[in-house]
Protein backbone atom coordinates (compact mmCIF):
# COMPACT_ATOMS: atom_id res chain seq x y z
CA UNK A 1 6.31 -13.19 56.69
CA UNK A 2 5.14 -15.81 53.77
CA UNK A 3 4.91 -14.33 50.85
CA UNK A 4 1.70 -16.21 48.34
CA UNK A 5 3.64 -17.46 44.98
CA UNK A 6 2.23 -15.89 41.88
CA UNK A 7 1.07 -18.56 39.22
CA UNK A 8 1.20 -18.11 35.61
CA UNK A 9 -2.79 -17.56 35.83
CA UNK A 10 -3.20 -14.72 37.85
CA UNK A 11 -7.33 -14.30 37.32
CA UNK A 12 -6.84 -10.83 37.49
CA UNK A 13 -3.94 -10.66 34.69
CA UNK A 14 -5.90 -13.06 32.54
CA UNK A 15 -9.10 -10.71 33.35
CA UNK A 16 -7.00 -7.61 31.92
CA UNK A 17 -5.88 -9.60 28.97
CA UNK A 18 -9.59 -11.06 27.73
CA UNK A 19 -10.71 -7.22 28.68
CA UNK A 20 -7.88 -5.70 26.56
CA UNK A 21 -8.36 -8.13 23.66
CA UNK A 22 -12.09 -7.60 23.55
CA UNK A 23 -12.05 -3.85 23.61
CA UNK A 24 -9.40 -4.37 20.19
CA UNK A 25 -12.14 -6.40 18.42
CA UNK A 26 -14.82 -3.73 19.29
CA UNK A 27 -13.02 -1.05 18.01
CA UNK A 28 -11.56 -2.71 14.51
CA UNK A 29 -15.21 -3.99 14.24
CA UNK A 30 -16.47 -0.35 14.88
CA UNK A 31 -13.69 0.58 12.08
CA UNK A 32 -14.95 -1.61 9.56
CA UNK A 33 -18.25 -0.56 10.04
CA UNK A 34 -17.31 2.61 9.46
CA UNK A 35 -15.58 1.78 6.29
CA UNK A 36 -18.31 0.14 5.22
CA UNK A 37 -20.78 2.72 5.00
CA UNK A 38 -19.09 5.21 2.06
CA UNK A 39 -18.33 1.44 0.26
CA UNK A 40 -21.50 0.25 0.66
CA UNK A 41 -22.48 4.27 -1.32
CA UNK A 42 -19.47 3.34 -4.07
CA UNK A 43 -20.72 0.03 -4.44
CA UNK A 44 -24.67 1.20 -4.72
CA UNK A 45 -23.01 3.74 -7.62
CA UNK A 46 -21.62 1.00 -9.35
CA UNK A 47 -24.58 -0.71 -9.40
CA UNK A 48 -26.63 1.94 -10.44
CA UNK A 49 -23.89 2.87 -13.53
CA UNK A 50 -23.95 -0.75 -15.08
CA UNK A 51 -27.62 -1.75 -14.49
CA UNK A 52 -29.93 0.86 -14.34
CA UNK A 53 -29.04 2.08 -18.41
CA UNK A 54 -29.77 -1.50 -19.33
CA UNK A 55 -33.03 -1.94 -17.42
CA UNK A 56 -34.62 1.55 -17.60
CA UNK A 57 -37.17 2.24 -20.30
CA UNK A 58 -36.18 5.53 -21.70
CA UNK A 59 -32.59 5.56 -23.23
CA UNK A 60 -30.27 8.50 -22.40
CA UNK A 61 -30.30 10.29 -25.71
CA UNK A 62 -33.29 9.33 -26.81
CA UNK A 63 -35.57 13.21 -27.45
CA UNK A 64 -39.31 13.66 -26.99
CA UNK A 65 -39.86 17.39 -27.71
CA UNK A 66 -43.74 16.80 -26.61
CA UNK A 67 -42.15 15.85 -23.53
CA UNK A 68 -39.15 18.46 -23.03
CA UNK A 69 -38.60 20.64 -19.94
CA UNK A 70 -41.14 18.36 -17.81
CA UNK A 71 -40.17 18.41 -13.66
CA UNK A 72 -39.74 14.39 -11.98
CA UNK A 73 -42.90 12.47 -11.99
CA UNK A 74 -43.31 8.95 -11.49
CA UNK A 75 -42.49 8.52 -15.65
CA UNK A 76 -39.26 10.62 -15.24
CA UNK A 77 -38.56 10.25 -12.07
CA UNK A 78 -35.50 13.09 -12.26
CA UNK A 79 -37.71 15.22 -15.47
CA UNK A 80 -36.43 15.69 -19.02
CA UNK A 81 -34.27 18.35 -20.48
CA UNK A 82 -34.73 20.51 -22.98
CA UNK A 83 -34.80 18.10 -26.09
CA UNK A 84 -37.34 15.74 -24.04
CA UNK A 85 -34.17 13.43 -23.13
CA UNK A 86 -34.78 11.07 -19.57
CA UNK A 87 -32.91 12.64 -17.36
CA UNK A 88 -32.72 9.37 -14.99
CA UNK A 89 -30.94 7.81 -18.09
CA UNK A 90 -28.51 10.61 -18.31
CA UNK A 91 -27.56 10.70 -15.42
CA UNK A 92 -26.97 6.85 -15.30
CA UNK A 93 -25.24 6.99 -18.11
CA UNK A 94 -22.83 9.54 -17.08
CA UNK A 95 -22.14 7.54 -13.84
CA UNK A 96 -20.83 5.37 -15.81
CA UNK A 97 -18.83 7.27 -17.54
CA UNK A 98 -17.37 9.31 -14.68
CA UNK A 99 -16.71 6.16 -12.63
CA UNK A 100 -15.12 4.32 -15.22
CA UNK A 101 -12.94 7.34 -16.46
CA UNK A 102 -11.70 7.94 -12.69
CA UNK A 103 -10.86 4.42 -11.95
CA UNK A 104 -8.74 4.52 -15.21
CA UNK A 105 -7.08 7.82 -13.69
CA UNK A 106 -6.73 6.82 -10.50
CA UNK A 107 -5.37 3.12 -11.73
CA UNK A 108 -3.04 5.32 -14.00
CA UNK A 109 -2.04 7.66 -11.71
CA UNK A 110 -1.16 5.05 -8.81
CA UNK A 111 0.79 2.97 -11.43
CA UNK A 112 3.14 5.16 -12.73
CA UNK A 113 3.27 7.47 -9.82
CA UNK A 114 3.50 5.05 -7.48
CA UNK A 115 6.54 3.11 -9.54
CA UNK A 116 8.42 6.72 -9.70
CA UNK A 117 8.28 6.93 -5.94
CA UNK A 118 9.26 3.16 -5.81
CA UNK A 119 12.52 3.67 -7.47
CA UNK A 120 13.24 6.85 -5.87
CA UNK A 121 13.14 5.88 -2.44
CA UNK A 122 14.70 2.56 -3.17
CA UNK A 123 17.53 3.38 -5.49
CA UNK A 124 17.99 7.28 -4.52
CA UNK A 125 21.36 8.95 -6.28
CA UNK A 126 21.10 11.58 -9.00
CA UNK A 127 17.94 9.94 -10.18
CA UNK A 128 16.46 10.73 -7.28
CA UNK A 129 17.13 14.31 -6.73
CA UNK A 130 16.13 14.61 -10.63
CA UNK A 131 12.77 12.92 -10.86
CA UNK A 132 11.82 14.74 -6.95
CA UNK A 133 12.88 18.17 -8.82
CA UNK A 134 10.42 17.60 -11.52
CA UNK A 135 7.55 16.35 -9.39
CA UNK A 136 8.01 19.88 -7.39
CA UNK A 137 7.63 21.16 -10.45
CA UNK A 138 4.40 19.96 -11.24
CA UNK A 139 3.30 20.39 -8.13
CA UNK A 140 4.12 24.25 -8.32
CA UNK A 141 0.79 24.43 -10.49
CA UNK A 142 -2.73 24.73 -9.62
CA UNK A 143 -3.95 21.34 -9.94
CA UNK A 144 -6.94 21.98 -11.68
CA UNK A 145 -5.37 24.74 -13.81
CA UNK A 146 -2.48 22.37 -14.98
CA UNK A 147 -5.07 19.91 -16.44
CA UNK A 148 -6.60 22.60 -17.96
CA UNK A 149 -3.61 23.39 -19.88
CA UNK A 150 -3.11 20.03 -20.58
CA UNK A 151 -6.19 19.41 -21.82
CA UNK A 152 -6.18 22.03 -24.04
CA UNK A 153 -2.82 21.31 -25.09
CA UNK A 154 -3.47 17.90 -26.51
CA UNK A 155 -7.22 18.91 -27.57
CA UNK A 156 -10.36 19.34 -26.24
CA UNK A 157 -12.56 15.89 -25.11
CA UNK A 158 -12.79 13.77 -22.82
CA UNK A 159 -9.91 11.54 -22.87
CA UNK A 160 -7.30 14.14 -23.10
CA UNK A 161 -9.09 15.50 -20.01
CA UNK A 162 -8.20 11.85 -18.53
CA UNK A 163 -4.82 12.49 -19.17
CA UNK A 164 -4.64 15.68 -17.71
CA UNK A 165 -6.46 14.65 -14.33
CA UNK A 166 -4.25 11.72 -14.44
CA UNK A 167 -0.82 13.42 -14.87
CA UNK A 168 -1.81 16.47 -12.29
CA UNK A 169 -1.98 12.89 -9.87
CA UNK A 170 1.11 11.41 -10.60
CA UNK A 171 3.16 14.03 -8.27
CA UNK A 172 1.04 12.76 -5.35
CA UNK A 173 1.80 9.55 -5.28
CA UNK A 174 5.58 9.74 -6.31
CA UNK A 175 6.45 12.18 -3.53
CA UNK A 176 4.10 10.27 -0.83
CA UNK A 177 5.44 6.50 -1.98
CA UNK A 178 8.63 7.52 -1.86
CA UNK A 179 8.62 8.69 1.62
CA UNK A 180 7.38 5.81 2.75
CA UNK A 181 10.08 3.62 0.84
CA UNK A 182 12.41 5.46 2.55
CA UNK A 183 10.87 4.33 6.26
CA UNK A 184 10.47 1.24 5.03
CA UNK A 185 13.81 1.13 4.00
CA UNK A 186 15.46 1.99 7.23
CA UNK A 187 13.92 -0.15 9.03
CA UNK A 188 16.00 -2.98 11.23
CA UNK A 189 14.26 -6.03 9.01
CA UNK A 190 15.55 -4.38 5.57
CA UNK A 191 18.97 -3.97 7.00
CA UNK A 192 19.00 -7.32 8.19
CA UNK A 193 17.66 -9.15 5.03
CA UNK A 194 20.72 -7.41 3.11
CA UNK A 195 22.84 -8.94 6.04
CA UNK A 196 21.58 -12.53 5.05
CA UNK A 197 22.40 -11.68 1.22
CA UNK A 198 18.77 -11.04 -0.27
CA UNK A 199 19.40 -8.89 -3.48
CA UNK A 200 18.00 -5.45 -3.83
CA UNK A 201 15.00 -6.86 -6.11
CA UNK A 202 14.17 -9.24 -4.06
CA UNK A 203 13.72 -7.37 -0.84
CA UNK A 204 11.67 -4.73 -2.96
CA UNK A 205 9.32 -7.57 -3.84
CA UNK A 206 9.15 -9.68 -0.66
CA UNK A 207 9.42 -6.59 2.00
CA UNK A 208 9.01 -3.41 0.71
CA UNK A 209 5.84 -3.31 -1.84
CA UNK A 210 3.56 -5.30 0.37
CA UNK A 211 4.32 -2.89 3.26
CA UNK A 212 3.64 0.16 0.86
CA UNK A 213 0.05 -1.13 0.02
CA UNK A 214 -1.62 0.31 2.79
CA UNK A 215 -0.45 3.92 1.80
CA UNK A 216 -1.02 3.51 -1.68
CA UNK A 217 -4.79 2.33 -1.09
CA UNK A 218 -5.66 5.14 1.24
CA UNK A 219 -4.27 7.58 -1.99
CA UNK A 220 -6.19 6.05 -4.30
CA UNK A 221 -9.30 6.23 -2.77
CA UNK A 222 -8.57 9.99 -2.07
CA UNK A 223 -7.02 10.25 -5.84
CA UNK A 224 -10.95 8.71 -7.33
CA UNK A 225 -12.79 11.09 -5.13
CA UNK A 226 -10.64 14.19 -7.26
CA UNK A 227 -10.66 12.08 -10.29
CA UNK A 228 -14.23 12.50 -10.24
CA UNK A 229 -14.13 15.87 -9.18
CA UNK A 230 -11.62 16.95 -11.73
CA UNK A 231 -12.77 15.25 -14.79
CA UNK A 232 -16.69 16.64 -13.96
CA UNK A 233 -14.82 20.23 -13.80
CA UNK A 234 -13.11 20.42 -16.83
CA UNK A 235 -16.35 18.99 -18.86
CA UNK A 236 -18.02 22.35 -17.06
CA UNK A 237 -16.11 24.80 -18.73
CA UNK A 238 -16.11 22.98 -21.57
CA UNK A 239 -12.66 21.01 -22.03
CA UNK A 240 -14.03 17.29 -21.26
CA UNK A 241 -17.18 15.45 -22.20
CA UNK A 242 -18.70 17.51 -24.79
CA UNK A 243 -22.37 17.67 -25.97
CA UNK A 244 -24.28 15.20 -26.38
CA UNK A 245 -22.09 12.85 -23.68
CA UNK A 246 -24.09 12.99 -20.74
CA UNK A 247 -21.13 13.08 -18.32
CA UNK A 248 -22.22 14.92 -14.80
CA UNK A 249 -20.09 18.08 -15.67
CA UNK A 250 -21.40 18.75 -19.25
CA UNK A 251 -25.14 17.75 -17.67
CA UNK A 252 -24.73 20.33 -15.06
CA UNK A 253 -23.61 22.98 -17.60
CA UNK A 254 -26.54 22.13 -19.82
CA UNK A 255 -28.81 22.86 -16.79
CA UNK A 256 -27.70 25.95 -15.63
CA UNK A 257 -29.37 28.14 -17.86
CA UNK A 258 -32.33 26.49 -17.28
CA UNK A 259 -32.27 26.73 -13.72
CA UNK A 260 -32.58 30.26 -13.66
CA UNK A 261 -36.30 29.82 -15.32
CA UNK A 262 -37.23 26.95 -13.00
CA UNK A 263 -35.65 23.95 -14.51
CA UNK A 264 -33.82 23.18 -11.96
CA UNK A 265 -33.92 19.36 -12.36
CA UNK A 266 -31.47 19.28 -15.12
CA UNK A 267 -28.71 20.33 -13.02
CA UNK A 268 -29.43 19.39 -9.64
CA UNK A 269 -29.48 15.76 -9.93
CA UNK A 270 -26.22 15.35 -11.43
CA UNK A 271 -24.75 17.52 -8.78
CA UNK A 272 -26.24 15.85 -6.21
CA UNK A 273 -24.73 12.71 -8.06
CA UNK A 274 -21.16 13.92 -8.12
CA UNK A 275 -22.05 15.04 -4.41
CA UNK A 276 -22.31 11.57 -3.05
CA UNK A 277 -19.65 10.07 -5.36
CA UNK A 278 -16.83 12.47 -3.93
CA UNK A 279 -18.52 12.73 -0.71
CA UNK A 280 -18.00 8.77 -0.43
CA UNK A 281 -14.82 8.46 -2.13
CA UNK A 282 -13.40 11.19 0.71
CA UNK A 283 -14.83 9.61 3.55
CA UNK A 284 -13.84 6.01 2.42
CA UNK A 285 -10.51 7.18 2.62
CA UNK A 286 -10.76 8.60 5.84
CA UNK A 287 -11.95 5.43 7.10
CA UNK A 288 -9.14 3.21 5.76
CA UNK A 289 -6.77 5.82 7.53
CA UNK A 290 -8.27 5.22 10.92
CA UNK A 291 -8.43 1.49 9.83
CA UNK A 292 -4.80 0.80 8.44
CA UNK A 293 -2.88 3.36 10.34
CA UNK A 294 -4.41 3.43 14.02
CA UNK A 295 -1.28 5.10 15.11
CA UNK A 296 -1.19 7.95 12.33
CA UNK A 297 2.32 7.26 10.95
CA UNK A 298 1.43 7.84 7.26
CA UNK A 299 -0.22 11.33 8.06
CA UNK A 300 3.87 12.32 9.02
CA UNK A 301 4.63 11.25 5.28
């Protein structure tokens, strides 16, 4: 019996490889498209917050008592409130306030919590145990209750509410990134880096931090949605932004009493804007996890 030699470019194997590459490319494009939808919504909200207060003819604080409590119309697409202020202008200004403050809160929590998690996961020892027990103590409190306590302790206002929400988010970053740092530290290429004489600081800068960025970005997307919702919640109960600041939570509170008498637009439109923002941020976090972590490694941290 004569055996037919198999060449290196066997058609069947080449076709299978090409199909696998095409399938992988299609899956990657599909995941990228799923990321693009919530990202486009957030970009549209940012553009709305930047340009709407500038281009719109009505000011957020301009009062017109003769046109108070008007329902949505061509002149006032979102109606007017009890003082005749244009709700479209106030919702747009509230978008600017909410997005800016939530972004600063997210960055502050990521910087502080990420640094704590990085040092605890790479250095270890007694400091790791002490810091993590402190993080556990903070996590023992319900997040909103702790943010309320911090806000009341520092003084009611939007700035102190932002500090409270940022403080609540720090343990999330710290524990998550510590787990990720421990996972990366145990990988063979990290041990090889130490074996060839690299210092700890260089290993952290060259290898650990770049491999931690995907899980950090996923957590930041989720924390951004919580920051927007947390700030609105504190303003809703009177601990955040105060009248006449047109923050979304404060606008919802102002419109509640008028909703019972039929002026639904005062609280509905800020609530819809809040819902869209938080939903888009949550969807972006989920899509980023699917794209950056297809094997579900970060979900087990």
